[in-house]
Amino acid sequence: MQPQSGLDKCLPFLSFECQPWTAPPVSRKPVKSRLAITISRQSGSGAHVVATRLADYLKLHNADPLCPWSVFDRNLVEKVLEDHHLPTRFARFMPEDRTSELAEVLDELLGNHPPTTVLVQQTAETVLQLAQRGHVILIGRGANLITRGLENVFHVRLVGSLDKRIAHVQQTHGLDRKAAMELIHTEDRGRRRYLKKYFGADPDDPKLYHLVINTDLVNYDLAAAMILDAALGNSQRKLDPPRLESIGTAARGVLPGA
């Protein structure tokens, strides 16, 4: 009998009755214990900007041509479709911020796509594989819940006031205030429903994360540096507790003008 891998233990984590997933124990250690980071976010809190800058900082600290740092956000869907040999038209049925259960049911009944639970499970398989490989920053999709059995993964939540998030969405999407606010509410409701339905979790539960950052009070550059310092420090502590660096050391090394 072949030993069961971490991925095998994860499947099937969803049933067709949509029972909330309970994270299984994962005993297989990732290759070379490469660090991976998940970012959960409120809509408009700057997750993509922070993740991009964080990836740049991490590349400076650990340049590995065989496994460079990558950010997976919306492009995670493309990776899932590629991994599972699914047609590209399925992409439009896979947003985590989709709010209409009726639309999901109708699409499934009409045969437009496989059951949503299957698509979510396939997404989770890809997320777990990426996290086990390491050197990835995974935004959303319940990645922190899927990977919480892996010791090499560091979990972050970004939050902010509605006014500041509206301003960010207005700037990045070119929307007026009303449209930006509607987009934020739609995305936040959809993501909350996604995590509740498929993982039985509340994204605002701080116990799900190593670090929660308010981007009202911390700019995006400093947020990225804080995550870098905390994630590397947490990883170093597991390897050699007496040599844990103080918070701020990594930030001073990577912030412009430091």
Protein backbone atom coordinates (compact mmCIF):
# COMPACT_ATOMS: atom_id res chain seq x y z
CA MET A 1 0.00 0.00 0.00
CA GLN A 2 1.39 3.37 -0.98
CA PRO A 3 1.63 6.08 1.73
CA GLN A 4 -1.14 8.64 1.67
CA SER A 5 -0.04 12.12 0.65
CA GLY A 6 -1.26 15.40 2.11
CA LEU A 7 -3.27 15.99 -1.04
CA ASP A 8 -4.89 12.56 -0.81
CA LYS A 9 -5.86 13.25 2.78
CA CYS A 10 -7.54 16.46 1.71
CA LEU A 11 -9.92 14.68 -0.71
CA PRO A 12 -12.77 14.64 -0.75
CA PHE A 13 -13.17 17.63 1.57
CA LEU A 14 -16.57 18.53 0.12
CA SER A 15 -19.65 16.40 -0.28
CA PHE A 16 -22.48 17.07 -2.70
CA GLU A 17 -24.58 17.97 0.35
CA CYS A 18 -22.23 20.95 0.84
CA GLN A 19 -21.23 20.05 4.38
CA PRO A 20 -18.66 22.52 5.78
CA TRP A 21 -15.13 21.27 5.37
CA THR A 22 -13.03 20.29 8.38
CA ALA A 23 -9.32 20.59 7.66
CA PRO A 24 -7.65 17.18 7.75
CA PRO A 25 -4.25 16.62 9.35
CA VAL A 26 -1.42 16.92 6.84
CA SER A 27 1.64 14.87 7.71
CA ARG A 28 3.70 15.22 4.53
CA LYS A 29 6.15 18.09 4.75
CA PRO A 30 6.40 20.44 1.73
CA VAL A 31 9.49 20.26 -0.44
CA LYS A 32 12.37 22.06 1.32
CA SER A 33 9.76 23.75 3.58
CA ARG A 34 9.43 26.68 1.17
CA LEU A 35 7.32 29.45 2.64
CA ALA A 36 3.83 30.19 1.28
CA ILE A 37 1.50 33.03 2.29
CA THR A 38 -2.28 33.38 2.12
CA ILE A 39 -4.03 36.75 2.13
CA SER A 40 -7.69 37.09 3.05
CA ARG A 41 -9.14 40.55 2.51
CA GLN A 42 -12.04 42.91 2.72
CA SER A 43 -12.82 44.26 -0.72
CA GLY A 44 -10.81 47.39 -1.45
CA SER A 45 -8.25 46.88 1.32
CA GLY A 46 -5.37 46.75 -1.18
CA ALA A 47 -4.64 43.01 -1.20
CA HIS A 48 -3.33 42.84 -4.76
CA VAL A 49 -1.03 45.84 -4.29
CA VAL A 50 0.28 44.48 -0.98
CA ALA A 51 0.78 41.00 -2.44
CA THR A 52 2.69 42.33 -5.44
CA ARG A 53 5.03 44.40 -3.28
CA LEU A 54 5.43 41.52 -0.84
CA ALA A 55 6.46 39.23 -3.72
CA ASP A 56 9.09 41.79 -4.76
CA TYR A 57 10.46 41.92 -1.19
CA LEU A 58 10.52 38.13 -0.93
CA LYS A 59 12.41 37.83 -4.21
CA LEU A 60 15.11 40.06 -2.74
CA HIS A 61 15.38 37.83 0.31
CA ASN A 62 15.23 34.51 -1.49
CA ALA A 63 15.98 34.51 -5.21
CA ASP A 64 15.31 30.96 -6.35
CA PRO A 65 15.31 30.58 -10.17
CA LEU A 66 13.89 27.07 -9.85
CA CYS A 67 10.88 28.27 -7.85
CA PRO A 68 10.36 32.05 -8.10
CA TRP A 69 7.72 33.79 -6.01
CA SER A 70 4.30 34.11 -7.68
CA VAL A 71 1.03 35.83 -6.78
CA PHE A 72 -2.24 34.01 -7.43
CA ASP A 73 -5.38 36.14 -7.34
CA ARG A 74 -7.83 36.16 -10.25
CA ASN A 75 -5.29 34.19 -12.26
CA LEU A 76 -5.80 31.25 -9.88
CA VAL A 77 -8.88 30.33 -11.92
CA GLU A 78 -6.70 29.94 -15.03
CA LYS A 79 -4.38 27.64 -13.08
CA VAL A 80 -7.32 25.52 -11.88
CA LEU A 81 -8.68 25.17 -15.42
CA GLU A 82 -5.24 24.17 -16.65
CA ASP A 83 -4.63 21.65 -13.84
CA HIS A 84 -7.98 19.93 -14.31
CA HIS A 85 -8.21 20.21 -18.11
CA LEU A 86 -11.39 22.27 -18.00
CA PRO A 87 -12.64 24.52 -20.82
CA THR A 88 -11.86 28.21 -20.42
CA ARG A 89 -15.57 29.08 -20.57
CA PHE A 90 -15.90 27.67 -17.03
CA ALA A 91 -13.96 30.66 -15.69
CA ARG A 92 -17.07 32.84 -15.59
CA PHE A 93 -18.78 30.35 -13.28
CA MET A 94 -16.00 30.35 -10.69
CA PRO A 95 -15.89 33.76 -8.94
CA GLU A 96 -15.70 33.50 -5.13
CA ASP A 97 -17.79 36.67 -4.85
CA ARG A 98 -20.79 35.28 -6.74
CA THR A 99 -23.87 36.01 -4.60
CA SER A 100 -26.76 34.28 -6.34
CA GLU A 101 -27.36 30.68 -5.28
CA LEU A 102 -30.31 30.54 -7.70
CA ALA A 103 -27.99 31.33 -10.61
CA GLU A 104 -25.64 28.53 -9.52
CA VAL A 105 -28.49 26.02 -9.35
CA LEU A 106 -29.89 27.03 -12.73
CA ASP A 107 -26.48 26.83 -14.38
CA GLU A 108 -25.94 23.35 -12.96
CA LEU A 109 -29.40 22.15 -14.02
CA LEU A 110 -28.85 23.49 -17.52
CA GLY A 111 -25.49 21.72 -17.69
CA ASN A 112 -23.53 24.93 -18.15
CA HIS A 113 -20.84 23.65 -15.78
CA PRO A 114 -20.18 20.83 -13.29
CA PRO A 115 -21.64 21.15 -9.77
CA THR A 116 -20.13 24.17 -8.03
CA THR A 117 -18.93 21.89 -5.23
CA VAL A 118 -16.78 20.06 -7.76
CA LEU A 119 -15.28 23.31 -9.05
CA VAL A 120 -14.56 24.43 -5.47
CA GLN A 121 -12.94 21.09 -4.70
CA GLN A 122 -10.76 21.32 -7.80
CA THR A 123 -9.79 24.85 -6.81
CA ALA A 124 -8.80 23.58 -3.36
CA GLU A 125 -6.67 20.83 -4.88
CA THR A 126 -4.75 23.39 -6.92
CA VAL A 127 -4.37 25.72 -3.91
CA LEU A 128 -3.00 22.89 -1.78
CA GLN A 129 -0.54 21.81 -4.47
CA LEU A 130 0.72 25.37 -4.91
CA ALA A 131 1.11 25.86 -1.16
CA GLN A 132 2.99 22.58 -0.80
CA ARG A 133 5.36 23.69 -3.55
CA GLY A 134 5.88 27.02 -1.74
CA HIS A 135 7.00 30.48 -2.85
CA VAL A 136 3.41 31.51 -3.60
CA ILE A 137 1.10 34.22 -2.30
CA LEU A 138 -2.51 33.03 -2.51
CA ILE A 139 -5.26 35.64 -2.32
CA GLY A 140 -8.75 34.58 -1.23
CA ARG A 141 -10.58 31.36 -2.22
CA GLY A 142 -10.44 30.09 1.37
CA ALA A 143 -6.72 29.40 0.88
CA ASN A 144 -6.00 29.91 4.57
CA LEU A 145 -8.55 27.22 5.46
CA ILE A 146 -7.42 24.79 2.77
CA THR A 147 -3.78 25.06 3.87
CA ARG A 148 -4.08 25.37 7.64
CA GLY A 149 -2.65 21.88 8.09
CA LEU A 150 0.62 22.91 6.38
CA GLU A 151 3.34 24.28 8.64
CA ASN A 152 5.02 26.27 5.89
CA VAL A 153 2.03 28.58 5.27
CA PHE A 154 1.57 32.00 6.93
CA HIS A 155 -1.95 33.51 7.01
CA VAL A 156 -2.80 37.22 6.76
CA ARG A 157 -6.06 39.22 6.81
CA LEU A 158 -6.30 42.78 5.42
CA VAL A 159 -9.11 45.05 6.63
CA GLY A 160 -10.02 48.73 6.42
CA SER A 161 -12.79 51.26 6.90
CA LEU A 162 -15.51 51.44 4.26
CA ASP A 163 -14.57 55.02 3.31
CA LYS A 164 -10.91 54.18 2.69
CA ARG A 165 -11.82 51.04 0.76
CA ILE A 166 -14.28 52.98 -1.40
CA ALA A 167 -11.55 55.50 -2.21
CA HIS A 168 -9.18 52.68 -3.20
CA VAL A 169 -11.75 51.05 -5.47
CA GLN A 170 -12.60 54.40 -7.06
CA GLN A 171 -8.94 54.92 -7.88
CA THR A 172 -8.17 51.42 -9.14
CA HIS A 173 -11.43 50.78 -11.04
CA GLY A 174 -12.28 54.30 -12.19
CA LEU A 175 -15.74 54.20 -10.56
CA ASP A 176 -17.82 56.86 -8.87
CA ARG A 177 -18.45 56.57 -5.13
CA LYS A 178 -21.84 54.85 -5.44
CA ALA A 179 -20.59 52.23 -7.90
CA ALA A 180 -17.48 51.59 -5.80
CA MET A 181 -19.57 51.08 -2.66
CA GLU A 182 -21.92 48.68 -4.46
CA LEU A 183 -18.95 46.67 -5.77
CA ILE A 184 -17.46 46.40 -2.27
CA HIS A 185 -20.73 45.25 -0.73
CA THR A 186 -21.28 42.71 -3.51
CA GLU A 187 -17.79 41.25 -3.22
CA ASP A 188 -17.78 41.14 0.58
CA ARG A 189 -21.20 39.44 0.71
CA GLY A 190 -20.21 36.94 -1.96
CA ARG A 191 -16.91 36.05 -0.32
CA ARG A 192 -18.54 35.68 3.09
CA ARG A 193 -21.15 33.36 1.58
CA TYR A 194 -18.46 31.37 -0.23
CA LEU A 195 -16.50 30.69 2.97
CA LYS A 196 -19.61 29.99 5.02
CA LYS A 197 -21.14 27.61 2.47
CA TYR A 198 -18.07 25.62 1.51
CA PHE A 199 -15.86 25.88 4.61
CA GLY A 200 -18.24 26.74 7.45
CA ALA A 201 -16.04 29.71 8.41
CA ASP A 202 -16.36 33.44 9.06
CA PRO A 203 -13.63 35.46 7.30
CA ASP A 204 -13.68 38.04 10.12
CA ASP A 205 -12.63 35.46 12.72
CA PRO A 206 -9.14 36.67 13.77
CA LYS A 207 -8.20 33.20 15.02
CA LEU A 208 -7.86 32.08 11.39
CA TYR A 209 -4.80 34.27 10.82
CA HIS A 210 -1.28 34.81 12.08
CA LEU A 211 -1.58 38.53 11.35
CA VAL A 212 -4.42 41.03 10.77
CA ILE A 213 -3.50 44.43 9.30
CA ASN A 214 -5.66 47.56 9.09
CA THR A 215 -4.61 49.28 5.86
CA ASP A 216 -6.22 52.51 7.04
CA LEU A 217 -3.39 52.83 9.54
CA VAL A 218 -0.62 51.00 7.69
CA ASN A 219 0.27 51.94 4.12
CA TYR A 220 0.66 49.21 1.51
CA ASP A 221 4.47 49.29 1.47
CA LEU A 222 4.69 48.94 5.23
CA ALA A 223 1.96 46.27 5.25
CA ALA A 224 4.01 44.21 2.80
CA ALA A 225 7.14 44.69 4.90
CA MET A 226 5.30 43.72 8.09
CA ILE A 227 4.04 40.52 6.48
CA LEU A 228 7.54 39.77 5.23
CA ASP A 229 9.09 40.26 8.65
CA ALA A 230 6.40 38.32 10.49
CA ALA A 231 6.33 35.42 8.02
CA LEU A 232 10.12 35.05 7.91
CA GLY A 233 10.31 35.44 11.67
CA ASN A 234 7.67 32.79 12.21
CA SER A 235 9.48 30.43 9.85
CA GLN A 236 12.84 31.11 11.54
CA ARG A 237 11.33 30.57 15.00
CA LYS A 238 10.25 27.05 14.02
CA LEU A 239 13.76 26.26 12.83
CA ASP A 240 15.79 28.04 15.49
CA PRO A 241 13.79 29.81 18.27
CA PRO A 242 16.76 31.57 19.95
CA ARG A 243 17.62 33.38 16.71
CA LEU A 244 14.21 34.92 16.05
CA GLU A 245 14.66 38.44 14.69
CA SER A 246 12.76 41.34 16.21
CA ILE A 247 9.81 42.80 14.34
CA GLY A 248 10.97 45.57 12.03
CA THR A 249 14.35 44.15 10.99
CA ALA A 250 13.19 42.91 7.60
CA ALA A 251 11.11 46.04 7.02
CA ARG A 252 14.15 48.26 7.51
CA GLY A 253 16.02 46.18 4.98
CA VAL A 254 13.49 46.42 2.18
CA LEU A 255 11.58 49.68 2.53
CA PRO A 256 12.70 52.47 0.19
CA GLY A 257 14.99 54.91 1.94
CA ALA A 258 15.64 52.55 4.84
